[in-house]
């Protein structure tokens, strides 16, 4: 799982798909992005790149 350092904070993220326009899926509440991985693969199969990320103080 890649980690981006944003304003001193580590944010876990994943990009699903290799080409096409970007779509971002953002979870609600305190859930991590892992529950969106199956949906991200379906969207990517339609020609999109999908950015998933954990919100601050959530996920892994």
C-alpha atoms as a PDB file:
ATOM      1  CA  UNK A   1       0.000   0.000   0.000  1.00  0.00           C
ATOM      2  CA  UNK A   2       1.592   3.298  -1.065  1.00  0.00           C
ATOM      3  CA  UNK A   3       1.740   6.139   1.418  1.00  0.00           C
ATOM      4  CA  UNK A   4       1.625   9.846   0.546  1.00  0.00           C
ATOM      5  CA  UNK A   5       2.986  12.373   3.002  1.00  0.00           C
ATOM      6  CA  UNK A   6       0.583  15.342   2.990  1.00  0.00           C
ATOM      7  CA  UNK A   7       1.285  18.284   5.300  1.00  0.00           C
ATOM      8  CA  UNK A   8       3.265  16.006   7.590  1.00  0.00           C
ATOM      9  CA  UNK A   9       0.609  13.264   7.698  1.00  0.00           C
ATOM     10  CA  UNK A  10       0.865   9.800   6.157  1.00  0.00           C
ATOM     11  CA  UNK A  11      -2.139   8.941   3.967  1.00  0.00           C
ATOM     12  CA  UNK A  12      -2.576   5.391   2.630  1.00  0.00           C
ATOM     13  CA  UNK A  13      -3.779   5.217  -0.962  1.00  0.00           C
ATOM     14  CA  UNK A  14      -4.117   2.934  -3.963  1.00  0.00           C
ATOM     15  CA  UNK A  15      -4.701   3.544  -7.671  1.00  0.00           C
ATOM     16  CA  UNK A  16      -6.647   0.822  -9.490  1.00  0.00           C
ATOM     17  CA  UNK A  17      -6.428   0.796 -13.290  1.00  0.00           C
ATOM     18  CA  UNK A  18      -3.663   1.788 -15.687  1.00  0.00           C
ATOM     19  CA  UNK A  19      -5.286   4.340 -17.984  1.00  0.00           C
ATOM     20  CA  UNK A  20      -8.290   6.564 -18.464  1.00  0.00           C
ATOM     21  CA  UNK A  21      -9.790   9.443 -16.514  1.00  0.00           C
ATOM     22  CA  UNK A  22      -9.482   9.449 -12.740  1.00  0.00           C
ATOM     23  CA  UNK A  23     -12.398   8.728 -10.430  1.00  0.00           C
ATOM     24  CA  UNK A  24     -12.041   9.050  -6.657  1.00  0.00           C
ATOM     25  CA  UNK A  25     -14.009   6.933  -4.190  1.00  0.00           C
ATOM     26  CA  UNK A  26     -14.136   8.338  -0.655  1.00  0.00           C
ATOM     27  CA  UNK A  27     -15.496   6.393   2.300  1.00  0.00           C
ATOM     28  CA  UNK A  28     -17.745   7.893   4.922  1.00  0.00           C
ATOM     29  CA  UNK A  29     -17.392   7.731   8.669  1.00  0.00           C
ATOM     30  CA  UNK A  30     -14.263   6.092  10.019  1.00  0.00           C
ATOM     31  CA  UNK A  31     -14.004   3.309   7.454  1.00  0.00           C
ATOM     32  CA  UNK A  32     -10.884   2.657   5.398  1.00  0.00           C
ATOM     33  CA  UNK A  33     -10.780   2.407   1.622  1.00  0.00           C
ATOM     34  CA  UNK A  34     -10.419  -1.400   1.584  1.00  0.00           C
ATOM     35  CA  UNK A  35     -14.178  -1.955   1.334  1.00  0.00           C
ATOM     36  CA  UNK A  36     -14.201  -0.085  -2.000  1.00  0.00           C
ATOM     37  CA  UNK A  37     -11.505  -2.209  -3.662  1.00  0.00           C
ATOM     38  CA  UNK A  38     -13.951  -4.626  -5.397  1.00  0.00           C
ATOM     39  CA  UNK A  39     -16.004  -1.688  -6.736  1.00  0.00           C
ATOM     40  CA  UNK A  40     -12.814   0.078  -7.860  1.00  0.00           C
ATOM     41  CA  UNK A  41     -11.831  -2.958  -9.950  1.00  0.00           C
ATOM     42  CA  UNK A  42     -15.237  -2.969 -11.661  1.00  0.00           C
ATOM     43  CA  UNK A  43     -14.963   0.740 -12.456  1.00  0.00           C
ATOM     44  CA  UNK A  44     -11.377   0.302 -13.713  1.00  0.00           C
ATOM     45  CA  UNK A  45     -12.539  -2.489 -16.036  1.00  0.00           C
ATOM     46  CA  UNK A  46     -14.724   0.143 -17.751  1.00  0.00           C
ATOM     47  CA  UNK A  47     -11.676   2.274 -18.639  1.00  0.00           C
ATOM     48  CA  UNK A  48     -11.084   4.444 -15.587  1.00  0.00           C
ATOM     49  CA  UNK A  49      -8.298   4.855 -13.042  1.00  0.00           C
ATOM     50  CA  UNK A  50      -9.691   4.818  -9.528  1.00  0.00           C
ATOM     51  CA  UNK A  51      -8.021   6.587  -6.615  1.00  0.00           C
ATOM     52  CA  UNK A  52      -8.778   5.145  -3.197  1.00  0.00           C
ATOM     53  CA  UNK A  53      -7.430   6.691  -0.020  1.00  0.00           C
ATOM     54  CA  UNK A  54      -7.927   6.606   3.704  1.00  0.00           C
ATOM     55  CA  UNK A  55      -9.253   9.765   5.254  1.00  0.00           C
ATOM     56  CA  UNK A  56      -7.292  11.262   8.128  1.00  0.00           C
ATOM     57  CA  UNK A  57      -7.449   9.107  11.295  1.00  0.00           C
ATOM     58  CA  UNK A  58      -9.146   6.222   9.472  1.00  0.00           C
ATOM     59  CA  UNK A  59      -8.195   2.970   7.731  1.00  0.00           C
ATOM     60  CA  UNK A  60      -4.895   1.181   8.255  1.00  0.00           C
END
